[in-house]
N, C-alpha and C. Protein backbone atom coordinates (compact mmCIF):
# COMPACT_ATOMS: atom_id res chain seq x y z
N MET A 1 -17.59 23.23 -74.94
CA MET A 1 -18.99 22.82 -75.03
C MET A 1 -19.89 23.94 -74.67
N ASP A 2 -20.98 24.01 -75.33
CA ASP A 2 -21.97 25.05 -75.04
C ASP A 2 -22.79 24.59 -73.88
N THR A 3 -23.46 25.57 -73.28
CA THR A 3 -24.35 25.28 -72.17
C THR A 3 -25.76 24.95 -72.76
N PRO A 4 -26.62 24.35 -71.93
CA PRO A 4 -27.99 24.07 -72.48
C PRO A 4 -28.71 25.35 -72.82
N THR A 5 -29.75 25.26 -73.59
CA THR A 5 -30.45 26.33 -74.08
C THR A 5 -31.26 27.11 -73.08
N ASN A 6 -31.69 28.26 -73.50
CA ASN A 6 -32.62 29.03 -72.67
C ASN A 6 -34.03 28.87 -73.20
N ASP A 7 -35.00 29.24 -72.42
CA ASP A 7 -36.36 28.99 -72.85
C ASP A 7 -36.85 29.94 -73.96
N ALA A 8 -36.11 30.97 -74.22
CA ALA A 8 -36.53 31.95 -75.22
C ALA A 8 -36.20 31.49 -76.63
N GLU A 9 -35.45 30.44 -76.81
CA GLU A 9 -35.08 29.96 -78.15
C GLU A 9 -36.36 29.51 -78.91
N THR A 10 -36.28 29.70 -80.12
CA THR A 10 -37.34 29.19 -81.03
C THR A 10 -37.14 27.69 -81.34
N ARG A 11 -38.15 27.10 -81.77
CA ARG A 11 -38.12 25.67 -82.25
C ARG A 11 -37.02 25.52 -83.27
N GLN A 12 -37.02 26.46 -84.26
CA GLN A 12 -35.98 26.43 -85.35
C GLN A 12 -34.60 26.59 -84.86
N GLU A 13 -34.41 27.52 -83.89
CA GLU A 13 -33.10 27.73 -83.30
C GLU A 13 -32.56 26.53 -82.59
N ARG A 14 -33.48 25.81 -81.85
CA ARG A 14 -33.05 24.59 -81.20
C ARG A 14 -32.66 23.50 -82.19
N PHE A 15 -33.42 23.42 -83.26
CA PHE A 15 -33.11 22.46 -84.32
C PHE A 15 -31.78 22.77 -84.93
N GLU A 16 -31.59 24.02 -85.33
CA GLU A 16 -30.27 24.39 -85.98
C GLU A 16 -29.15 24.14 -85.05
N ARG A 17 -29.24 24.38 -83.78
CA ARG A 17 -28.11 24.19 -82.82
C ARG A 17 -27.86 22.69 -82.70
N GLY A 18 -28.98 21.90 -82.64
CA GLY A 18 -28.84 20.46 -82.61
C GLY A 18 -28.23 19.85 -83.89
N LEU A 19 -28.58 20.40 -85.04
CA LEU A 19 -28.07 19.91 -86.31
C LEU A 19 -26.59 20.19 -86.39
N ASP A 20 -26.16 21.37 -85.85
CA ASP A 20 -24.71 21.68 -85.82
C ASP A 20 -23.96 20.68 -84.95
N MET A 21 -24.49 20.35 -83.81
CA MET A 21 -23.84 19.38 -82.90
C MET A 21 -23.79 18.02 -83.59
N LEU A 22 -24.91 17.57 -84.16
CA LEU A 22 -25.05 16.27 -84.86
C LEU A 22 -23.98 16.21 -85.93
N THR A 23 -23.84 17.24 -86.73
CA THR A 23 -22.96 17.27 -87.83
C THR A 23 -21.50 17.15 -87.36
N ARG A 24 -21.18 17.85 -86.26
CA ARG A 24 -19.87 17.80 -85.75
C ARG A 24 -19.50 16.39 -85.25
N ILE A 25 -20.51 15.67 -84.60
CA ILE A 25 -20.22 14.39 -84.10
C ILE A 25 -20.38 13.29 -85.15
N SER A 26 -21.45 13.30 -85.90
CA SER A 26 -21.72 12.16 -86.79
C SER A 26 -21.46 12.42 -88.19
N GLY A 27 -21.16 13.60 -88.62
CA GLY A 27 -20.91 13.81 -90.01
C GLY A 27 -22.16 13.58 -90.80
N GLU A 28 -22.10 12.80 -91.87
CA GLU A 28 -23.23 12.42 -92.69
C GLU A 28 -24.16 11.47 -92.15
N GLY A 29 -23.75 10.64 -91.24
CA GLY A 29 -24.59 9.57 -90.69
C GLY A 29 -25.89 10.11 -90.02
N GLY A 30 -25.74 11.14 -89.30
CA GLY A 30 -26.91 11.71 -88.65
C GLY A 30 -27.91 12.35 -89.65
N GLN A 31 -27.36 13.01 -90.65
CA GLN A 31 -28.22 13.60 -91.69
C GLN A 31 -28.97 12.55 -92.43
N ARG A 32 -28.36 11.37 -92.67
CA ARG A 32 -29.09 10.27 -93.33
C ARG A 32 -30.26 9.83 -92.54
N VAL A 33 -30.16 9.86 -91.19
CA VAL A 33 -31.24 9.45 -90.36
C VAL A 33 -32.39 10.48 -90.56
N VAL A 34 -32.02 11.74 -90.43
CA VAL A 34 -33.03 12.82 -90.64
C VAL A 34 -33.76 12.72 -91.95
N ASP A 35 -32.92 12.50 -93.05
CA ASP A 35 -33.51 12.35 -94.37
C ASP A 35 -34.38 11.11 -94.53
N ALA A 36 -34.06 10.01 -93.84
CA ALA A 36 -34.85 8.84 -93.91
C ALA A 36 -36.24 9.00 -93.21
N LEU A 37 -36.27 9.92 -92.24
CA LEU A 37 -37.55 10.16 -91.51
C LEU A 37 -38.41 11.20 -92.20
N ALA A 38 -37.90 11.92 -93.11
CA ALA A 38 -38.56 13.15 -93.66
C ALA A 38 -39.98 12.77 -94.18
N ASP A 39 -40.16 11.66 -94.84
CA ASP A 39 -41.48 11.35 -95.40
C ASP A 39 -42.40 10.51 -94.51
N VAL A 40 -41.87 10.11 -93.30
CA VAL A 40 -42.77 9.29 -92.46
C VAL A 40 -42.93 9.99 -91.08
N SER A 41 -41.91 10.53 -90.53
CA SER A 41 -42.01 11.23 -89.15
C SER A 41 -41.01 12.33 -89.03
N PRO A 42 -41.23 13.37 -89.77
CA PRO A 42 -40.29 14.54 -89.62
C PRO A 42 -40.27 15.05 -88.16
N GLU A 43 -41.35 14.85 -87.42
CA GLU A 43 -41.37 15.31 -86.03
C GLU A 43 -40.34 14.55 -85.21
N LEU A 44 -40.29 13.21 -85.41
CA LEU A 44 -39.30 12.37 -84.69
C LEU A 44 -37.89 12.91 -85.02
N ALA A 45 -37.65 13.18 -86.32
CA ALA A 45 -36.29 13.72 -86.70
C ALA A 45 -36.03 15.00 -85.96
N HIS A 46 -37.03 15.89 -85.98
CA HIS A 46 -36.88 17.17 -85.26
C HIS A 46 -36.50 16.97 -83.72
N GLN A 47 -37.23 16.08 -83.11
CA GLN A 47 -36.95 15.87 -81.67
C GLN A 47 -35.61 15.26 -81.39
N ILE A 48 -35.21 14.30 -82.29
CA ILE A 48 -33.89 13.71 -82.09
C ILE A 48 -32.83 14.84 -82.23
N ILE A 49 -33.00 15.70 -83.21
CA ILE A 49 -31.99 16.76 -83.41
C ILE A 49 -32.12 17.86 -82.36
N ALA A 50 -33.31 18.41 -82.19
CA ALA A 50 -33.45 19.51 -81.26
C ALA A 50 -33.21 19.16 -79.80
N TRP A 51 -33.80 18.06 -79.33
CA TRP A 51 -33.62 17.62 -78.02
C TRP A 51 -32.40 16.80 -77.79
N GLY A 52 -32.32 15.73 -78.48
CA GLY A 52 -31.15 14.84 -78.28
C GLY A 52 -29.81 15.48 -78.51
N PHE A 53 -29.67 16.17 -79.61
CA PHE A 53 -28.36 16.77 -79.90
C PHE A 53 -28.26 18.26 -79.53
N GLY A 54 -29.41 18.95 -79.61
CA GLY A 54 -29.40 20.40 -79.23
C GLY A 54 -29.39 20.63 -77.76
N GLU A 55 -29.94 19.64 -77.01
CA GLU A 55 -30.02 19.77 -75.55
C GLU A 55 -29.03 18.79 -74.80
N ILE A 56 -29.26 17.56 -75.01
CA ILE A 56 -28.53 16.54 -74.18
C ILE A 56 -27.00 16.50 -74.60
N TYR A 57 -26.75 16.30 -75.89
CA TYR A 57 -25.35 16.28 -76.30
C TYR A 57 -24.56 17.51 -76.04
N ARG A 58 -25.21 18.66 -75.88
CA ARG A 58 -24.50 19.87 -75.65
C ARG A 58 -24.29 20.18 -74.16
N ARG A 59 -24.79 19.41 -73.30
CA ARG A 59 -24.57 19.62 -71.88
C ARG A 59 -23.07 19.52 -71.61
N PRO A 60 -22.58 20.32 -70.66
CA PRO A 60 -21.16 20.36 -70.37
C PRO A 60 -20.60 19.26 -69.49
N GLY A 61 -21.42 18.35 -68.93
CA GLY A 61 -21.04 17.32 -67.96
C GLY A 61 -20.17 16.23 -68.51
N LEU A 62 -20.26 15.92 -69.76
CA LEU A 62 -19.49 14.88 -70.44
C LEU A 62 -18.92 15.37 -71.73
N ALA A 63 -17.69 14.96 -72.03
CA ALA A 63 -17.18 15.27 -73.32
C ALA A 63 -17.80 14.42 -74.34
N PRO A 64 -17.85 14.84 -75.64
CA PRO A 64 -18.46 14.04 -76.74
C PRO A 64 -17.93 12.60 -76.82
N ARG A 65 -16.65 12.38 -76.58
CA ARG A 65 -16.12 11.03 -76.65
C ARG A 65 -16.69 10.17 -75.54
N ASP A 66 -16.85 10.74 -74.36
CA ASP A 66 -17.46 9.99 -73.27
C ASP A 66 -18.92 9.68 -73.53
N ARG A 67 -19.68 10.65 -74.07
CA ARG A 67 -21.11 10.41 -74.39
C ARG A 67 -21.16 9.28 -75.38
N GLN A 68 -20.23 9.23 -76.35
CA GLN A 68 -20.38 8.14 -77.40
C GLN A 68 -19.99 6.79 -76.71
N LEU A 69 -19.03 6.83 -75.82
CA LEU A 69 -18.72 5.54 -75.11
C LEU A 69 -19.92 5.00 -74.35
N VAL A 70 -20.58 5.91 -73.66
CA VAL A 70 -21.87 5.51 -72.93
C VAL A 70 -22.91 5.01 -73.92
N THR A 71 -23.10 5.76 -75.00
CA THR A 71 -24.07 5.39 -76.05
C THR A 71 -23.78 4.04 -76.62
N LEU A 72 -22.49 3.73 -76.94
CA LEU A 72 -22.17 2.39 -77.46
C LEU A 72 -22.59 1.28 -76.51
N GLY A 73 -22.32 1.54 -75.18
CA GLY A 73 -22.66 0.56 -74.21
C GLY A 73 -24.15 0.35 -74.04
N MET A 74 -24.88 1.40 -74.11
CA MET A 74 -26.33 1.23 -73.95
C MET A 74 -26.95 0.61 -75.19
N LEU A 75 -26.56 1.02 -76.41
CA LEU A 75 -27.16 0.43 -77.59
C LEU A 75 -26.73 -1.08 -77.69
N THR A 76 -25.55 -1.41 -77.22
CA THR A 76 -25.19 -2.84 -77.16
C THR A 76 -26.07 -3.62 -76.19
N ALA A 77 -26.27 -3.06 -75.02
CA ALA A 77 -27.09 -3.69 -74.00
C ALA A 77 -28.56 -3.83 -74.50
N LEU A 78 -29.10 -2.85 -75.18
CA LEU A 78 -30.44 -2.92 -75.67
C LEU A 78 -30.63 -4.03 -76.72
N GLY A 79 -29.63 -4.17 -77.55
CA GLY A 79 -29.72 -5.13 -78.64
C GLY A 79 -30.74 -4.69 -79.68
N GLY A 80 -30.61 -5.21 -80.92
CA GLY A 80 -31.53 -4.80 -82.00
C GLY A 80 -31.39 -3.44 -82.47
N CYS A 81 -30.24 -2.76 -82.12
CA CYS A 81 -30.04 -1.39 -82.45
C CYS A 81 -28.82 -1.28 -83.42
N GLU A 82 -28.64 -2.21 -84.24
CA GLU A 82 -27.47 -2.22 -85.16
C GLU A 82 -27.42 -1.04 -86.05
N PRO A 83 -28.54 -0.57 -86.70
CA PRO A 83 -28.36 0.60 -87.47
C PRO A 83 -27.93 1.91 -86.65
N GLN A 84 -28.43 1.98 -85.47
CA GLN A 84 -27.93 3.05 -84.59
C GLN A 84 -26.52 2.90 -84.17
N LEU A 85 -26.13 1.63 -83.93
CA LEU A 85 -24.71 1.41 -83.56
C LEU A 85 -23.76 1.79 -84.73
N ASP A 86 -24.22 1.58 -85.90
CA ASP A 86 -23.43 2.01 -87.09
C ASP A 86 -23.12 3.42 -87.06
N VAL A 87 -24.15 4.25 -86.85
CA VAL A 87 -24.02 5.69 -86.75
C VAL A 87 -23.08 6.08 -85.57
N HIS A 88 -23.28 5.41 -84.46
CA HIS A 88 -22.57 5.83 -83.21
C HIS A 88 -21.15 5.29 -83.20
N VAL A 89 -20.83 4.18 -83.85
CA VAL A 89 -19.44 3.72 -83.95
C VAL A 89 -18.73 4.76 -84.81
N ASN A 90 -19.29 5.16 -85.92
CA ASN A 90 -18.72 6.21 -86.66
C ASN A 90 -18.50 7.51 -85.88
N ALA A 91 -19.54 7.88 -85.16
CA ALA A 91 -19.43 9.11 -84.35
C ALA A 91 -18.42 8.95 -83.31
N ALA A 92 -18.26 7.76 -82.67
CA ALA A 92 -17.23 7.54 -81.67
C ALA A 92 -15.78 7.76 -82.26
N LEU A 93 -15.64 7.26 -83.43
CA LEU A 93 -14.36 7.50 -84.08
C LEU A 93 -14.17 9.01 -84.41
N ASN A 94 -15.23 9.59 -84.80
CA ASN A 94 -15.12 11.09 -85.13
C ASN A 94 -14.78 11.95 -83.98
N VAL A 95 -15.18 11.57 -82.73
CA VAL A 95 -14.88 12.38 -81.56
C VAL A 95 -13.76 11.87 -80.73
N GLY A 96 -12.88 10.98 -81.29
CA GLY A 96 -11.65 10.69 -80.70
C GLY A 96 -11.42 9.28 -80.09
N LEU A 97 -12.46 8.48 -80.08
CA LEU A 97 -12.28 7.11 -79.63
C LEU A 97 -11.51 6.37 -80.69
N THR A 98 -10.59 5.44 -80.29
CA THR A 98 -9.97 4.66 -81.23
C THR A 98 -10.74 3.31 -81.48
N ALA A 99 -10.41 2.67 -82.58
CA ALA A 99 -10.99 1.37 -82.85
C ALA A 99 -10.68 0.41 -81.67
N GLU A 100 -9.49 0.49 -81.12
CA GLU A 100 -9.18 -0.39 -80.04
C GLU A 100 -9.98 -0.16 -78.78
N GLU A 101 -10.26 1.15 -78.51
CA GLU A 101 -11.07 1.52 -77.35
C GLU A 101 -12.53 1.00 -77.62
N ILE A 102 -13.01 1.12 -78.81
CA ILE A 102 -14.35 0.71 -79.06
C ILE A 102 -14.54 -0.82 -78.90
N VAL A 103 -13.54 -1.54 -79.41
CA VAL A 103 -13.51 -3.01 -79.26
C VAL A 103 -13.46 -3.40 -77.78
N GLU A 104 -12.62 -2.71 -77.05
CA GLU A 104 -12.56 -2.95 -75.63
C GLU A 104 -13.83 -2.73 -74.93
N ALA A 105 -14.49 -1.56 -75.31
CA ALA A 105 -15.79 -1.30 -74.64
C ALA A 105 -16.82 -2.32 -74.96
N LEU A 106 -16.85 -2.86 -76.19
CA LEU A 106 -17.81 -3.90 -76.54
C LEU A 106 -17.51 -5.15 -75.93
N LEU A 107 -16.24 -5.50 -75.76
CA LEU A 107 -15.82 -6.69 -75.03
C LEU A 107 -16.29 -6.62 -73.56
N HIS A 108 -16.08 -5.41 -72.98
CA HIS A 108 -16.49 -5.16 -71.59
C HIS A 108 -18.05 -5.32 -71.44
N ALA A 109 -18.73 -4.92 -72.44
CA ALA A 109 -20.22 -5.07 -72.41
C ALA A 109 -20.68 -6.51 -72.37
N ALA A 110 -19.92 -7.42 -72.91
CA ALA A 110 -20.32 -8.80 -72.91
C ALA A 110 -20.56 -9.35 -71.51
N GLY A 111 -19.84 -8.90 -70.50
CA GLY A 111 -19.97 -9.31 -69.14
C GLY A 111 -21.31 -8.85 -68.53
N TYR A 112 -21.87 -7.79 -69.08
CA TYR A 112 -23.08 -7.18 -68.45
C TYR A 112 -24.33 -7.44 -69.25
N CYS A 113 -24.15 -7.66 -70.59
CA CYS A 113 -25.37 -7.81 -71.36
C CYS A 113 -25.35 -9.09 -72.18
N GLY A 114 -24.30 -9.85 -72.18
CA GLY A 114 -24.21 -11.13 -72.82
C GLY A 114 -23.47 -11.10 -74.08
N PHE A 115 -23.00 -12.31 -74.47
CA PHE A 115 -22.18 -12.46 -75.68
C PHE A 115 -22.93 -12.18 -76.95
N PRO A 116 -24.25 -12.65 -77.12
CA PRO A 116 -24.89 -12.39 -78.33
C PRO A 116 -25.01 -10.83 -78.68
N LYS A 117 -25.34 -10.03 -77.73
CA LYS A 117 -25.42 -8.61 -77.96
C LYS A 117 -24.06 -7.98 -78.22
N ALA A 118 -23.05 -8.43 -77.46
CA ALA A 118 -21.69 -7.94 -77.72
C ALA A 118 -21.19 -8.40 -79.10
N LEU A 119 -21.51 -9.58 -79.49
CA LEU A 119 -21.08 -10.06 -80.79
C LEU A 119 -21.77 -9.16 -81.91
N ASN A 120 -23.04 -8.95 -81.84
CA ASN A 120 -23.75 -8.17 -82.84
C ASN A 120 -23.10 -6.78 -82.92
N ALA A 121 -22.85 -6.17 -81.79
CA ALA A 121 -22.31 -4.85 -81.75
C ALA A 121 -20.88 -4.85 -82.37
N THR A 122 -20.11 -5.90 -82.03
CA THR A 122 -18.74 -5.99 -82.58
C THR A 122 -18.75 -6.17 -84.10
N PHE A 123 -19.73 -6.92 -84.64
CA PHE A 123 -19.84 -7.04 -86.04
C PHE A 123 -20.20 -5.79 -86.73
N VAL A 124 -21.00 -4.99 -86.07
CA VAL A 124 -21.31 -3.62 -86.62
C VAL A 124 -19.99 -2.77 -86.63
N ALA A 125 -19.24 -2.82 -85.54
CA ALA A 125 -18.02 -2.08 -85.42
C ALA A 125 -17.00 -2.56 -86.52
N LYS A 126 -16.97 -3.84 -86.71
CA LYS A 126 -16.11 -4.38 -87.75
C LYS A 126 -16.47 -3.84 -89.17
N LYS A 127 -17.69 -3.80 -89.43
CA LYS A 127 -18.17 -3.19 -90.73
C LYS A 127 -17.68 -1.73 -90.86
N VAL A 128 -17.90 -0.97 -89.82
CA VAL A 128 -17.52 0.44 -89.85
C VAL A 128 -15.98 0.58 -89.98
N PHE A 129 -15.27 -0.26 -89.22
CA PHE A 129 -13.80 -0.15 -89.28
C PHE A 129 -13.28 -0.54 -90.71
N GLY A 130 -14.00 -1.52 -91.32
CA GLY A 130 -13.58 -1.95 -92.65
C GLY A 130 -13.85 -0.79 -93.60
N GLU A 131 -14.93 -0.15 -93.53
CA GLU A 131 -15.31 1.02 -94.35
C GLU A 131 -14.33 2.14 -94.23
N ARG A 132 -13.76 2.28 -93.05
CA ARG A 132 -12.80 3.39 -92.73
C ARG A 132 -11.34 2.93 -92.77
N GLY A 133 -11.10 1.71 -93.26
CA GLY A 133 -9.71 1.25 -93.44
C GLY A 133 -9.00 1.05 -92.06
N LEU A 134 -9.67 0.69 -91.08
CA LEU A 134 -9.09 0.50 -89.73
C LEU A 134 -8.90 -0.96 -89.36
N LEU A 135 -9.07 -1.91 -90.25
CA LEU A 135 -8.84 -3.33 -89.97
C LEU A 135 -7.44 -3.72 -90.42
N PRO A 136 -6.82 -4.59 -89.71
CA PRO A 136 -7.24 -5.25 -88.49
C PRO A 136 -7.05 -4.38 -87.27
N VAL A 137 -7.87 -4.62 -86.26
CA VAL A 137 -7.69 -3.93 -85.00
C VAL A 137 -6.91 -4.80 -84.13
N THR A 138 -5.89 -4.25 -83.48
CA THR A 138 -5.04 -5.02 -82.62
C THR A 138 -5.27 -4.60 -81.16
N THR A 139 -5.62 -5.60 -80.33
CA THR A 139 -5.83 -5.42 -78.91
C THR A 139 -5.11 -6.52 -78.15
N ASP A 140 -4.89 -6.33 -76.89
CA ASP A 140 -4.17 -7.32 -76.09
C ASP A 140 -5.20 -8.30 -75.61
């Protein structure tokens, strides 16, 4: 993992570094979000990339798989974040989490944020798993 940026970096350099991290984690999913924002709020896209992925995701304190696990839990708890969960379930698989681990994390979330939110997140995960040929998922 790279260390956080220094203050001398340009806005474009921060964006490019963030885009590199986003691509490594999310593949095409992150780029689709950037593209979708291009005609309405390119600045929001820039901040998500430059700050979120160029600064936060690059910090050395957590591995990418651990960051994705935390992100899945938070998006589940927030509720109403199904499009973002889709991107992050894919990203979680990309950085080494298994479908079984994702299902277990979402089951665990039910105790803290409720069954409706855990169900919604699990159905998003099911959709992603289906797209990636990972169904059925077997857990104990």
